[in-house]
Each structure stands twice: as C-alpha cells, then as structure tokens.
N, C-alpha and C. Protein backbone atom coordinates (compact mmCIF):
# COMPACT_ATOMS: atom_id res chain seq x y z
N MET A 1 16.91 5.19 25.97
CA MET A 1 16.75 4.79 24.50
C MET A 1 16.86 5.95 23.48
N ALA A 2 17.67 5.52 22.61
CA ALA A 2 17.92 6.77 21.37
C ALA A 2 16.78 7.20 20.65
N LYS A 3 17.02 8.42 20.15
CA LYS A 3 15.98 8.87 19.76
C LYS A 3 15.62 8.42 18.16
N SER A 4 14.74 8.19 17.44
CA SER A 4 14.27 7.57 16.33
C SER A 4 15.01 9.06 15.31
N ILE A 5 15.53 8.30 14.42
CA ILE A 5 15.89 9.62 13.15
C ILE A 5 15.11 9.68 12.19
N ILE A 6 14.35 8.53 12.06
CA ILE A 6 13.23 8.48 11.22
C ILE A 6 12.23 9.39 11.36
N PRO A 7 11.84 10.39 10.60
CA PRO A 7 10.88 11.55 10.65
C PRO A 7 9.58 11.41 10.73
N THR A 8 8.63 11.79 11.72
CA THR A 8 7.39 11.61 12.07
C THR A 8 6.47 12.72 12.00
N ILE A 9 5.95 12.24 11.00
CA ILE A 9 4.83 13.52 10.34
C ILE A 9 3.62 13.21 10.96
N ASP A 10 3.16 14.46 11.62
CA ASP A 10 1.51 14.55 12.32
C ASP A 10 0.86 14.89 11.12
N LEU A 11 -0.14 13.71 10.84
CA LEU A 11 -1.10 14.45 9.76
C LEU A 11 -2.69 14.64 10.45
N SER A 12 -2.53 15.24 11.28
CA SER A 12 -3.75 15.75 12.32
C SER A 12 -4.95 16.73 11.54
N PRO A 13 -3.56 17.64 11.26
CA PRO A 13 -4.55 18.97 10.65
C PRO A 13 -5.20 18.67 9.35
N PHE A 14 -5.24 17.35 8.92
CA PHE A 14 -6.09 16.98 7.25
C PHE A 14 -7.06 16.38 8.01
N PHE A 15 -7.25 15.89 9.29
CA PHE A 15 -8.10 15.42 9.79
C PHE A 15 -9.05 16.33 10.67
N ASN A 16 -8.30 17.58 11.08
CA ASN A 16 -9.26 18.46 11.81
C ASN A 16 -9.45 19.71 11.10
N LYS A 17 -11.17 20.03 11.31
CA LYS A 17 -11.84 21.06 10.70
C LYS A 17 -11.40 22.10 11.21
N GLN A 18 -10.48 22.65 12.30
CA GLN A 18 -10.07 23.88 13.04
C GLN A 18 -8.92 24.18 12.40
N SER A 19 -8.10 23.03 11.44
CA SER A 19 -6.63 23.21 10.72
C SER A 19 -7.09 24.15 9.46
N ASN A 20 -6.03 25.13 9.21
CA ASN A 20 -6.00 25.98 8.26
C ASN A 20 -5.11 25.64 6.92
N GLN A 21 -5.25 26.17 5.86
CA GLN A 21 -4.40 25.77 4.86
C GLN A 21 -3.04 25.84 5.21
N SER A 22 -2.36 26.98 5.97
CA SER A 22 -1.07 26.99 6.04
C SER A 22 -0.43 25.75 7.32
N GLU A 23 -1.20 25.58 7.93
CA GLU A 23 -0.99 24.16 8.44
C GLU A 23 -0.62 22.97 7.73
N LYS A 24 -1.83 22.82 7.16
CA LYS A 24 -1.59 21.80 5.99
C LYS A 24 -0.36 21.75 4.97
N LYS A 25 0.02 23.00 4.70
CA LYS A 25 1.23 23.23 3.62
C LYS A 25 2.60 23.30 4.15
N GLU A 26 2.51 23.32 5.69
CA GLU A 26 3.64 23.12 6.45
C GLU A 26 3.72 21.72 6.26
N ILE A 27 2.90 21.09 6.64
CA ILE A 27 2.98 19.30 6.76
C ILE A 27 3.59 18.80 5.38
N ILE A 28 2.82 19.38 4.27
CA ILE A 28 3.70 19.08 2.74
C ILE A 28 4.93 19.16 2.66
N LYS A 29 5.52 20.78 3.36
CA LYS A 29 6.72 20.62 3.26
C LYS A 29 7.62 19.96 4.19
N LYS A 30 7.40 19.39 5.27
CA LYS A 30 7.82 18.41 5.82
C LYS A 30 7.99 16.94 5.26
N ILE A 31 7.06 16.59 4.38
CA ILE A 31 6.82 15.61 4.06
C ILE A 31 7.85 15.41 2.92
N LYS A 32 7.64 16.77 2.06
CA LYS A 32 9.02 16.76 0.86
C LYS A 32 10.35 16.76 1.10
N LYS A 33 10.55 17.65 2.60
CA LYS A 33 12.00 17.37 3.29
C LYS A 33 12.43 16.11 3.86
N ALA A 34 11.69 15.28 4.68
CA ALA A 34 11.74 13.93 4.68
C ALA A 34 12.20 13.11 3.49
N CYS A 35 11.26 13.14 2.57
CA CYS A 35 11.75 12.15 1.15
C CYS A 35 12.93 12.64 0.66
N THR A 36 13.23 13.54 0.42
CA THR A 36 14.50 14.38 0.25
C THR A 36 15.86 14.17 1.01
N LEU A 37 15.89 14.13 2.44
CA LEU A 37 16.77 13.70 3.11
C LEU A 37 16.89 12.13 3.70
N TYR A 38 15.74 11.89 3.97
CA TYR A 38 16.22 10.31 4.30
C TYR A 38 15.07 9.38 3.27
N GLY A 39 14.43 9.67 2.63
CA GLY A 39 13.89 8.46 1.35
C GLY A 39 12.54 8.06 1.61
N PHE A 40 11.92 8.23 3.31
CA PHE A 40 10.78 7.81 3.75
C PHE A 40 10.57 8.63 5.13
N PHE A 41 9.40 8.26 5.61
CA PHE A 41 9.03 8.76 6.83
C PHE A 41 7.87 8.00 7.53
N GLN A 42 7.40 8.34 8.72
CA GLN A 42 6.33 7.70 9.17
C GLN A 42 5.46 8.79 9.94
N VAL A 43 4.14 8.36 9.61
CA VAL A 43 3.02 9.13 10.08
C VAL A 43 2.42 8.77 11.42
N GLU A 44 1.82 9.76 12.11
CA GLU A 44 1.12 9.45 13.13
C GLU A 44 -0.27 10.06 12.98
N ASN A 45 -1.29 10.09 13.56
CA ASN A 45 -2.67 10.85 13.71
C ASN A 45 -2.98 10.86 12.40
N HIS A 46 -2.98 9.71 11.50
CA HIS A 46 -3.41 9.38 10.39
C HIS A 46 -4.85 9.21 10.03
N GLY A 47 -5.45 8.81 10.87
CA GLY A 47 -7.17 8.55 10.94
C GLY A 47 -7.45 7.01 10.72
N VAL A 48 -6.25 5.98 10.54
CA VAL A 48 -6.28 5.03 9.98
C VAL A 48 -6.35 4.12 11.43
N SER A 49 -7.32 3.12 11.63
CA SER A 49 -7.56 2.24 13.18
C SER A 49 -6.48 1.23 13.13
N ALA A 50 -6.12 1.05 14.63
CA ALA A 50 -5.45 -0.02 14.51
C ALA A 50 -5.98 -1.42 13.76
N SER A 51 -7.25 -1.77 13.90
CA SER A 51 -7.75 -2.88 13.45
C SER A 51 -7.44 -2.97 11.84
N SER A 52 -7.93 -1.79 11.22
CA SER A 52 -7.58 -1.57 9.83
C SER A 52 -6.24 -1.91 9.47
N MET A 53 -5.51 -1.26 9.72
CA MET A 53 -3.86 -1.70 9.85
C MET A 53 -3.49 -2.89 9.76
N LYS A 54 -4.33 -3.87 10.76
CA LYS A 54 -3.87 -5.20 11.17
C LYS A 54 -4.35 -5.86 10.14
N ARG A 55 -5.79 -5.40 9.75
CA ARG A 55 -6.32 -6.03 8.38
C ARG A 55 -5.47 -6.18 7.25
N ALA A 56 -5.05 -5.26 7.17
CA ALA A 56 -4.03 -4.69 5.84
C ALA A 56 -3.06 -5.58 5.63
N PHE A 57 -2.54 -6.24 6.89
CA PHE A 57 -1.45 -7.05 6.47
C PHE A 57 -2.06 -8.70 6.66
N GLU A 58 -3.06 -8.90 7.08
CA GLU A 58 -3.18 -10.30 7.47
C GLU A 58 -4.05 -10.48 6.27
N VAL A 59 -4.73 -10.06 5.50
CA VAL A 59 -5.58 -10.46 4.25
C VAL A 59 -4.64 -10.59 3.23
N PRO A 60 -3.48 -9.84 2.65
CA PRO A 60 -2.62 -10.03 1.85
C PRO A 60 -1.81 -11.52 1.88
N LYS A 61 -1.42 -11.43 3.12
CA LYS A 61 -0.60 -12.60 3.85
C LYS A 61 -1.37 -14.22 3.38
N MET A 62 -2.50 -14.00 3.60
CA MET A 62 -3.64 -15.14 3.37
C MET A 62 -3.06 -15.35 1.91
N PHE A 63 -2.85 -14.67 1.33
CA PHE A 63 -2.83 -15.07 -0.43
C PHE A 63 -1.12 -15.18 -0.44
N PHE A 64 -0.63 -14.31 -0.05
CA PHE A 64 0.66 -15.10 -0.25
C PHE A 64 1.21 -16.36 0.62
N ASP A 65 0.30 -16.60 1.26
CA ASP A 65 0.56 -18.00 1.93
C ASP A 65 0.06 -19.21 0.88
N CYS A 66 -0.78 -19.24 -0.32
CA CYS A 66 -1.01 -19.64 -1.41
C CYS A 66 -0.05 -20.67 -1.52
N SER A 67 -0.20 -21.71 -2.65
CA SER A 67 0.76 -22.03 -3.20
C SER A 67 0.92 -21.31 -4.28
N GLY A 68 2.38 -21.64 -5.02
CA GLY A 68 2.84 -20.72 -6.50
C GLY A 68 1.80 -20.79 -7.43
N ASP A 69 1.03 -21.93 -7.75
CA ASP A 69 0.09 -22.29 -8.82
C ASP A 69 -1.02 -21.73 -8.79
N VAL A 70 -1.38 -21.53 -7.65
CA VAL A 70 -2.92 -20.49 -7.35
C VAL A 70 -2.33 -18.98 -7.39
N LYS A 71 -1.06 -18.76 -7.10
CA LYS A 71 -0.97 -17.15 -7.29
C LYS A 71 -0.79 -16.73 -8.60
N LEU A 72 -0.25 -18.14 -9.31
CA LEU A 72 0.15 -17.78 -10.85
C LEU A 72 -1.07 -17.42 -11.40
N LYS A 73 -2.08 -17.70 -10.86
CA LYS A 73 -3.57 -17.72 -11.74
C LYS A 73 -3.72 -16.16 -11.94
N PHE A 74 -3.62 -15.54 -11.03
CA PHE A 74 -3.69 -13.89 -10.98
C PHE A 74 -2.61 -13.17 -11.41
N SER A 75 -1.65 -13.39 -12.32
CA SER A 75 -0.77 -13.06 -13.21
C SER A 75 -1.24 -12.08 -14.35
N PRO A 76 -0.77 -11.22 -14.82
CA PRO A 76 -1.39 -10.49 -15.77
C PRO A 76 -1.27 -11.41 -17.07
N ALA A 77 -2.34 -11.05 -18.32
CA ALA A 77 -2.34 -11.88 -19.18
C ALA A 77 -1.11 -11.00 -20.22
N PRO A 78 -0.76 -11.91 -21.12
CA PRO A 78 0.52 -11.33 -21.95
C PRO A 78 0.33 -9.99 -22.69
N ASP A 79 -1.21 -9.86 -23.10
CA ASP A 79 -1.49 -8.94 -23.81
C ASP A 79 -2.16 -8.03 -23.20
N ALA A 80 -1.75 -8.04 -21.77
CA ALA A 80 -2.56 -6.59 -20.95
C ALA A 80 -1.72 -5.37 -21.22
N PRO A 81 -2.65 -4.32 -21.28
CA PRO A 81 -1.99 -3.13 -21.94
C PRO A 81 -0.98 -2.43 -20.55
N LEU A 82 -1.48 -2.79 -19.35
CA LEU A 82 -0.50 -2.29 -18.64
C LEU A 82 -0.72 -3.56 -17.22
N PRO A 83 0.76 -3.98 -17.12
CA PRO A 83 0.90 -5.20 -16.38
C PRO A 83 0.29 -4.79 -14.83
N ALA A 84 -0.65 -5.67 -14.17
CA ALA A 84 -1.62 -5.61 -13.12
C ALA A 84 -1.50 -7.08 -12.72
N GLY A 85 -1.38 -7.29 -11.49
CA GLY A 85 -1.58 -8.78 -11.15
C GLY A 85 -0.21 -9.34 -9.94
N TYR A 86 -0.35 -10.32 -9.98
CA TYR A 86 0.74 -11.00 -9.20
C TYR A 86 1.99 -11.38 -9.95
N PHE A 87 3.21 -11.18 -9.75
CA PHE A 87 4.33 -11.06 -9.99
C PHE A 87 5.41 -11.79 -9.05
N LYS A 88 6.18 -13.00 -9.52
CA LYS A 88 7.28 -13.22 -9.06
C LYS A 88 8.63 -13.45 -9.72
N GLN A 89 9.71 -12.85 -9.03
CA GLN A 89 11.00 -12.66 -9.59
C GLN A 89 11.39 -13.98 -10.02
N PRO A 90 12.32 -13.73 -11.14
CA PRO A 90 12.23 -15.49 -11.91
C PRO A 90 13.31 -16.25 -10.77
N SER A 91 13.45 -17.39 -11.14
CA SER A 91 13.87 -18.15 -10.16
C SER A 91 15.65 -18.07 -10.02
N GLN A 92 16.14 -17.73 -11.18
CA GLN A 92 17.32 -17.27 -11.27
C GLN A 92 17.86 -16.33 -10.59
N SER A 93 17.02 -15.34 -10.11
CA SER A 93 17.19 -13.81 -9.55
C SER A 93 17.69 -14.38 -8.05
N GLY A 94 18.25 -13.34 -7.55
CA GLY A 94 18.92 -13.54 -6.36
C GLY A 94 17.58 -13.07 -5.52
N ASP A 95 16.62 -12.08 -6.16
CA ASP A 95 15.84 -10.99 -5.50
C ASP A 95 14.32 -12.10 -5.15
N LYS A 96 14.08 -12.67 -4.44
CA LYS A 96 12.94 -13.85 -3.98
C LYS A 96 11.69 -13.11 -3.83
N ASN A 97 11.62 -11.69 -4.28
CA ASN A 97 10.33 -10.93 -3.81
C ASN A 97 9.28 -11.39 -4.95
N GLU A 98 8.01 -10.99 -4.19
CA GLU A 98 6.72 -11.54 -5.02
C GLU A 98 5.73 -10.48 -4.71
N PHE A 99 5.00 -10.06 -5.56
CA PHE A 99 4.06 -8.99 -5.11
C PHE A 99 2.79 -8.98 -6.18
N VAL A 100 2.24 -8.07 -5.58
CA VAL A 100 0.98 -7.95 -6.46
C VAL A 100 0.60 -6.47 -7.19
N LEU A 101 0.58 -6.16 -8.07
CA LEU A 101 0.56 -4.48 -8.61
C LEU A 101 -0.99 -4.35 -8.49
N MET A 102 -1.39 -3.13 -8.34
CA MET A 102 -2.86 -2.92 -8.29
C MET A 102 -3.14 -1.43 -8.78
N PHE A 103 -3.84 -1.26 -9.67
CA PHE A 103 -4.11 0.21 -9.99
C PHE A 103 -5.08 0.97 -9.35
N THR A 104 -5.70 1.95 -9.54
CA THR A 104 -6.82 2.18 -9.02
C THR A 104 -8.07 1.54 -9.62
N PRO A 105 -8.79 0.84 -8.34
CA PRO A 105 -10.13 0.11 -8.50
C PRO A 105 -11.11 0.99 -9.76
N GLY A 106 -11.67 0.12 -10.55
CA GLY A 106 -12.31 0.32 -11.67
C GLY A 106 -11.30 0.72 -12.99
N SER A 107 -10.02 0.86 -12.77
CA SER A 107 -9.34 1.06 -14.00
C SER A 107 -9.55 0.28 -15.16
N GLY A 108 -10.00 -1.08 -14.85
CA GLY A 108 -9.89 -1.99 -15.92
C GLY A 108 -8.64 -3.01 -16.22
N PHE A 109 -7.64 -2.63 -14.99
CA PHE A 109 -6.02 -3.38 -15.48
C PHE A 109 -5.99 -4.33 -14.50
N ASN A 110 -6.60 -4.34 -13.18
CA ASN A 110 -6.60 -5.04 -12.07
C ASN A 110 -6.94 -6.68 -12.44
N VAL A 111 -5.81 -7.51 -11.77
CA VAL A 111 -6.32 -9.21 -11.97
C VAL A 111 -6.41 -9.18 -10.62
N TYR A 112 -7.89 -9.65 -9.95
CA TYR A 112 -8.11 -9.46 -8.29
C TYR A 112 -7.84 -11.05 -7.82
N PRO A 113 -6.87 -11.36 -7.25
CA PRO A 113 -7.05 -13.09 -6.50
C PRO A 113 -8.46 -12.78 -6.26
N THR A 114 -8.85 -14.36 -6.14
CA THR A 114 -10.02 -14.81 -5.63
C THR A 114 -9.95 -15.58 -3.90
N HIS A 115 -8.75 -15.68 -3.81
CA HIS A 115 -8.54 -16.11 -2.46
C HIS A 115 -7.50 -15.50 -1.77
N PRO A 116 -7.94 -14.78 -0.98
CA PRO A 116 -9.07 -15.11 0.22
C PRO A 116 -9.98 -14.56 -0.57
N PRO A 117 -11.27 -14.84 -0.43
CA PRO A 117 -12.51 -14.62 -1.14
C PRO A 117 -12.64 -12.88 -0.67
N HIS A 118 -12.39 -12.45 0.19
CA HIS A 118 -12.53 -11.09 0.61
C HIS A 118 -11.42 -10.39 0.61
N LEU A 119 -10.67 -10.52 -0.32
CA LEU A 119 -8.95 -10.04 -0.48
C LEU A 119 -9.46 -8.73 -1.67
N LYS A 120 -10.38 -8.72 -2.56
CA LYS A 120 -10.50 -7.83 -3.55
C LYS A 120 -11.12 -6.60 -2.68
N TYR A 121 -12.04 -7.17 -2.13
CA TYR A 121 -13.17 -6.15 -1.16
C TYR A 121 -11.72 -5.17 -0.07
N GLU A 122 -10.86 -5.83 0.00
CA GLU A 122 -9.89 -5.14 0.95
C GLU A 122 -8.82 -4.06 0.31
N PHE A 123 -8.64 -4.56 -1.17
CA PHE A 123 -8.22 -3.60 -1.92
C PHE A 123 -8.89 -2.38 -2.20
N PHE A 124 -10.01 -2.47 -2.43
CA PHE A 124 -10.99 -1.71 -2.66
C PHE A 124 -11.00 -0.56 -1.48
N VAL A 125 -10.94 -1.32 -0.31
CA VAL A 125 -10.97 -0.34 0.96
C VAL A 125 -9.99 0.25 1.09
N SER A 126 -8.76 -0.37 0.96
CA SER A 126 -7.42 0.57 0.97
C SER A 126 -7.40 1.85 -0.19
N PHE A 127 -8.05 1.41 -1.06
CA PHE A 127 -7.61 2.58 -2.38
C PHE A 127 -8.33 3.79 -1.93
N SER A 128 -9.67 3.37 -1.37
CA SER A 128 -10.89 4.15 -1.41
C SER A 128 -10.74 5.21 0.01
N PHE A 129 -9.72 4.81 1.07
CA PHE A 129 -9.81 5.54 1.99
C PHE A 129 -9.60 6.79 2.12
N LYS A 130 -10.55 7.58 2.92
CA LYS A 130 -10.20 9.11 2.85
C LYS A 130 -10.26 9.58 3.65
C-alpha cells in the first residue's frame, strides 16, 4: 500500500498535561508547513470520540435531506448585518453546493434550522468542544 502524502498531525501534546510549550510550538510549525505545502492536513489524537464524529455527520445530513422549501426558511434575512444560515447556489450555477454558514454561538447572527430539533444543540456542541 502506498504511503499517504497527506500530512498527519498528532495533537496529543495539547491534551497531555506532561507536554511542554516547545512540543506544542512544534505542532504549530507542522500545521503551518502542511497548510503552506499541501493546503490541508489530517489530525490524529485530537480528543474527539468516534461517536461524536459520526454524529457530526449524521445530524446535518438530516437537515440537508429536507425539502428545499424547508431549508430556505433558514436563510438569512435580507437586512442581516452578517449572512448566516442556509445558502444554495443559484440554479443557473454549475456549482450545486448548499451549506449552512454559522458564526460563534451567542453572536446573534446565526439562523438555526429547527429540523432536526437537536441540530441547534449539535452546532453549539461542535463550537464549544475544548
């Protein structure tokens, strides 16, 4: 099997009380290098459980499986100071992506979908993971 060229960064020193600042600074250097050379990287030993990661994919999928009319209810208001909420590319666009843009919870800019009912909670959980 060929070795992956995608850089893998081990974040365990950020969760290990025995780690020192120089170890953490070295990880930051590795992240900067990966972003500069490749544009992305993968992480291991990040402290997020497999069940949390699975949930992070399942709950938004429930929202995106809703009809277009339901999703459009959570688009930003025309007078919103910052655009947050559901977006879909125009029908004439070759790009058919749709997404939900979120700011930090409590910022007052977010338009939270109400379906599935626990999606707002999941957004808060993912923003507040430490």
